[in-house]
Amino acid sequence: MEKYEIQADRRHMVRSVQTAMQGNAIRALVELITNSDDSYCDLEDFGNKPSGLIEILYRKDGYSCHFAVRDEAEGMSREEMKNSFGEKSYGAATSGLKEGKRRRGYFGQGAKDALAGMKDGKIVTIQDNLLTECRVYIERGKLYGELEDAVTATAELRNKHGIKGNGTIAYFTADPEKTGSVPRFDRVQAEVANNYMLRKIMTTPR
């Protein structure tokens, strides 16, 4: 495992993460859903016809709630994961728009904010039968990443994360001590369905 501090102006960076999410699970979900859609757009741009499936997982656990967003899109290699979540990735030009793509950038700053701004934020991704996992978190006023070595995506690991082919799942926990209120399932469903940032995704047959 490779552990590192994500470098940037430390005070500004942590404050930016906390301000962006404000402990709001819906905001975190919107960022992760949008990133999954970005990855599907990339596949379409290369002439593929992906499923377009984006799953939101919700599990209540006492006063806390565990969330995940899962897709069947590109997935990422360990090198791509390192570029997106590495030591110098925060605030860097990771957006695909720089390369002329129509996406904001798969796991750009918004997704890092979503995972670090909540509790137990991590991403698991599979590409070409290799699985890579990365945690992003704030500890003692610093932003850290922990990037695991890529391993073979065994049937057991695929079942654990619910990824059949290539794809990505991002996990986080909404905890009342860190995020304030924890949303009920019906509120999550309603807010995601009606969120203005997701309107285009929700109305696209693909």
Protein backbone atom coordinates (compact mmCIF):
# COMPACT_ATOMS: atom_id res chain seq x y z
CA MET A 1 0.00 0.00 0.00
CA GLU A 2 1.20 3.49 -0.86
CA LYS A 3 0.21 6.17 1.68
CA TYR A 4 0.83 9.86 0.98
CA GLU A 5 -0.32 13.34 1.86
CA ILE A 6 -2.16 14.99 -1.04
CA GLN A 7 -0.22 18.19 -1.57
CA ALA A 8 -1.68 21.65 -1.98
CA ASP A 9 -2.20 24.66 0.24
CA ARG A 10 -3.14 22.61 3.31
CA ARG A 11 -5.50 25.02 5.04
CA HIS A 12 -7.22 26.01 1.82
CA MET A 13 -7.50 22.39 0.66
CA VAL A 14 -9.15 20.95 3.77
CA ARG A 15 -11.41 23.98 4.09
CA SER A 16 -12.38 23.58 0.43
CA VAL A 17 -13.31 19.92 0.94
CA GLN A 18 -15.42 20.66 3.98
CA THR A 19 -17.10 23.65 2.35
CA ALA A 20 -17.86 21.73 -0.85
CA MET A 21 -19.69 18.90 0.91
CA GLN A 22 -20.82 20.52 4.18
CA GLY A 23 -21.46 17.00 5.46
CA ASN A 24 -24.26 16.60 2.91
CA ALA A 25 -24.69 13.03 1.67
CA ILE A 26 -26.84 14.13 -1.28
CA ARG A 27 -24.09 16.44 -2.56
CA ALA A 28 -21.61 13.58 -2.31
CA LEU A 29 -23.95 11.26 -4.23
CA VAL A 30 -24.49 13.84 -6.98
CA GLU A 31 -20.74 14.19 -7.54
CA LEU A 32 -20.21 10.44 -7.70
CA ILE A 33 -23.21 9.84 -9.98
CA THR A 34 -21.99 12.56 -12.34
CA ASN A 35 -18.55 10.99 -12.46
CA SER A 36 -20.04 7.61 -13.39
CA ASP A 37 -21.97 9.31 -16.19
CA ASP A 38 -18.77 10.96 -17.38
CA SER A 39 -17.16 7.54 -17.74
CA TYR A 40 -20.10 6.23 -19.78
CA CYS A 41 -19.76 9.29 -22.04
CA ASP A 42 -16.15 8.33 -22.69
CA LEU A 43 -17.18 4.82 -23.71
CA GLU A 44 -19.81 6.23 -26.07
CA ASP A 45 -17.26 8.60 -27.59
CA PHE A 46 -15.18 5.52 -28.49
CA GLY A 47 -18.15 3.93 -30.22
CA ASN A 48 -19.19 1.58 -27.41
CA LYS A 49 -22.78 1.03 -26.26
CA PRO A 50 -22.55 0.68 -22.48
CA SER A 51 -25.47 -0.19 -20.22
CA GLY A 52 -25.51 3.26 -18.62
CA LEU A 53 -26.48 1.64 -15.31
CA ILE A 54 -25.68 3.67 -12.18
CA GLU A 55 -26.70 2.03 -8.91
CA ILE A 56 -27.06 3.83 -5.58
CA LEU A 57 -26.73 1.60 -2.53
CA TYR A 58 -28.19 2.65 0.83
CA ARG A 59 -27.83 0.74 4.10
CA LYS A 60 -28.85 2.08 7.51
CA ASP A 61 -26.65 1.05 10.42
CA GLY A 62 -27.90 2.44 13.72
CA TYR A 63 -27.52 6.21 13.57
CA SER A 64 -25.15 6.02 10.58
CA CYS A 65 -25.86 5.23 6.94
CA HIS A 66 -23.61 3.56 4.37
CA PHE A 67 -23.78 4.71 0.75
CA ALA A 68 -22.21 3.48 -2.47
CA VAL A 69 -22.43 4.46 -6.14
CA ARG A 70 -21.63 1.71 -8.65
CA ASP A 71 -21.32 1.68 -12.44
CA GLU A 72 -20.43 -0.68 -15.28
CA ALA A 73 -18.31 1.84 -17.16
CA GLU A 74 -14.58 2.08 -17.92
CA GLY A 75 -13.05 1.41 -14.56
CA MET A 76 -9.52 2.70 -13.99
CA SER A 77 -6.03 1.26 -14.03
CA ARG A 78 -3.82 1.83 -11.00
CA GLU A 79 -1.90 4.46 -12.95
CA GLU A 80 -5.11 6.31 -13.79
CA MET A 81 -6.18 6.05 -10.16
CA LYS A 82 -2.85 7.50 -9.07
CA ASN A 83 -3.25 10.39 -11.50
CA SER A 84 -6.73 11.12 -10.15
CA PHE A 85 -6.00 10.59 -6.45
CA GLY A 86 -2.22 10.96 -6.21
CA GLU A 87 -0.08 13.31 -4.14
CA LYS A 88 -0.38 16.26 -6.52
CA SER A 89 -3.86 15.57 -7.88
CA TYR A 90 -5.84 18.06 -5.79
CA GLY A 91 -6.55 21.15 -7.87
CA ALA A 92 -4.64 19.70 -10.83
CA ALA A 93 -6.01 19.74 -14.38
CA THR A 94 -7.53 16.26 -14.27
CA SER A 95 -10.64 17.21 -16.22
CA GLY A 96 -11.16 15.51 -19.56
CA LEU A 97 -12.27 18.88 -20.93
CA LYS A 98 -8.60 19.75 -21.28
CA GLU A 99 -8.29 16.95 -23.83
CA GLY A 100 -11.44 18.03 -25.65
CA LYS A 101 -13.72 15.45 -24.04
CA ARG A 102 -17.28 16.29 -23.08
CA ARG A 103 -16.91 15.23 -19.46
CA ARG A 104 -15.91 17.25 -16.42
CA GLY A 105 -13.22 14.74 -15.54
CA TYR A 106 -13.62 11.25 -14.15
CA PHE A 107 -13.00 11.51 -10.42
CA GLY A 108 -11.90 15.10 -10.58
CA GLN A 109 -11.88 17.44 -7.59
CA GLY A 110 -15.60 17.10 -6.91
CA ALA A 111 -15.35 13.35 -6.38
CA LYS A 112 -12.31 13.72 -4.14
CA ASP A 113 -14.26 16.28 -2.11
CA ALA A 114 -17.18 13.83 -1.86
CA LEU A 115 -15.07 10.98 -0.53
CA ALA A 116 -12.79 13.00 1.77
CA GLY A 117 -15.62 15.19 3.03
CA MET A 118 -17.62 12.23 4.29
CA LYS A 119 -16.57 9.29 6.49
CA ASP A 120 -14.81 6.11 5.28
CA GLY A 121 -14.58 7.39 1.71
CA LYS A 122 -12.98 4.93 -0.68
CA ILE A 123 -13.13 3.89 -4.31
CA VAL A 124 -12.74 0.40 -5.77
CA THR A 125 -12.30 0.04 -9.51
CA ILE A 126 -11.75 -2.82 -11.95
CA GLN A 127 -10.21 -2.54 -15.40
CA ASP A 128 -8.89 -5.42 -17.50
CA ASN A 129 -9.42 -7.86 -14.60
CA LEU A 130 -7.24 -5.85 -12.20
CA LEU A 131 -8.78 -4.32 -9.07
CA THR A 132 -7.40 -1.17 -7.42
CA GLU A 133 -8.60 0.40 -4.17
CA CYS A 134 -7.95 3.88 -2.77
CA ARG A 135 -9.03 5.63 0.42
CA VAL A 136 -9.21 9.43 0.70
CA TYR A 137 -9.60 11.08 4.11
CA ILE A 138 -8.81 14.02 6.34
CA GLU A 139 -6.68 13.38 9.41
CA ARG A 140 -5.38 16.03 11.82
CA GLY A 141 -6.09 18.81 9.33
CA LYS A 142 -4.34 17.10 6.39
CA LEU A 143 -5.74 15.35 3.33
CA TYR A 144 -4.40 11.83 2.76
CA GLY A 145 -4.70 9.09 0.21
CA GLU A 146 -3.96 5.38 0.56
CA LEU A 147 -3.56 3.62 -2.77
CA GLU A 148 -3.39 -0.18 -2.74
CA ASP A 149 -1.45 -2.27 -5.24
CA ALA A 150 -3.52 -3.66 -8.09
CA VAL A 151 -4.65 -7.26 -7.57
CA THR A 152 -6.41 -9.82 -9.72
CA ALA A 153 -10.16 -9.28 -9.71
CA THR A 154 -11.14 -12.71 -8.42
CA ALA A 155 -14.73 -13.95 -8.40
CA GLU A 156 -14.80 -13.38 -4.63
CA LEU A 157 -13.73 -9.73 -4.98
CA ARG A 158 -16.15 -9.15 -7.84
CA ASN A 159 -19.02 -10.54 -5.76
CA LYS A 160 -17.98 -8.45 -2.76
CA HIS A 161 -18.17 -5.21 -4.74
CA GLY A 162 -20.84 -6.22 -7.27
CA ILE A 163 -18.74 -5.51 -10.37
CA LYS A 164 -19.06 -8.10 -13.15
CA GLY A 165 -16.82 -6.61 -15.85
CA ASN A 166 -15.06 -3.25 -15.82
CA GLY A 167 -16.54 -0.70 -13.46
CA THR A 168 -16.21 1.35 -10.31
CA ILE A 169 -17.86 1.57 -6.91
CA ALA A 170 -17.35 4.48 -4.50
CA TYR A 171 -18.23 4.08 -0.83
CA PHE A 172 -18.80 6.55 1.99
CA THR A 173 -20.61 6.73 5.34
CA ALA A 174 -22.90 9.49 6.57
CA ASP A 175 -22.31 9.70 10.31
CA PRO A 176 -24.20 12.17 12.53
CA GLU A 177 -21.00 13.06 14.40
CA LYS A 178 -19.33 14.21 11.18
CA THR A 179 -22.13 14.96 8.75
CA GLY A 180 -24.95 16.11 11.02
CA SER A 181 -28.29 14.70 9.93
CA VAL A 182 -28.41 11.34 8.15
CA PRO A 183 -31.04 11.30 5.37
CA ARG A 184 -33.82 8.72 5.25
CA PHE A 185 -34.13 6.50 2.18
CA ASP A 186 -37.25 8.22 0.86
CA ARG A 187 -35.56 11.62 1.07
CA VAL A 188 -32.48 10.31 -0.74
CA GLN A 189 -34.63 8.85 -3.51
CA ALA A 190 -36.64 12.06 -3.93
CA GLU A 191 -33.67 14.44 -3.85
CA VAL A 192 -31.61 12.41 -6.31
CA ALA A 193 -34.58 12.04 -8.68
CA ASN A 194 -35.24 15.78 -8.66
CA ASN A 195 -31.72 17.19 -8.36
CA TYR A 196 -31.15 19.85 -11.00
CA MET A 197 -27.55 18.75 -11.59
CA LEU A 198 -28.76 15.25 -12.49
CA ARG A 199 -31.69 16.32 -14.66
CA LYS A 200 -29.88 15.57 -17.92
CA ILE A 201 -28.80 12.14 -16.72
CA MET A 202 -32.27 11.27 -15.38
CA THR A 203 -33.97 12.18 -18.66
CA THR A 204 -31.55 10.36 -20.98
CA PRO A 205 -32.81 6.93 -22.14
CA ARG A 206 -29.21 5.70 -22.21
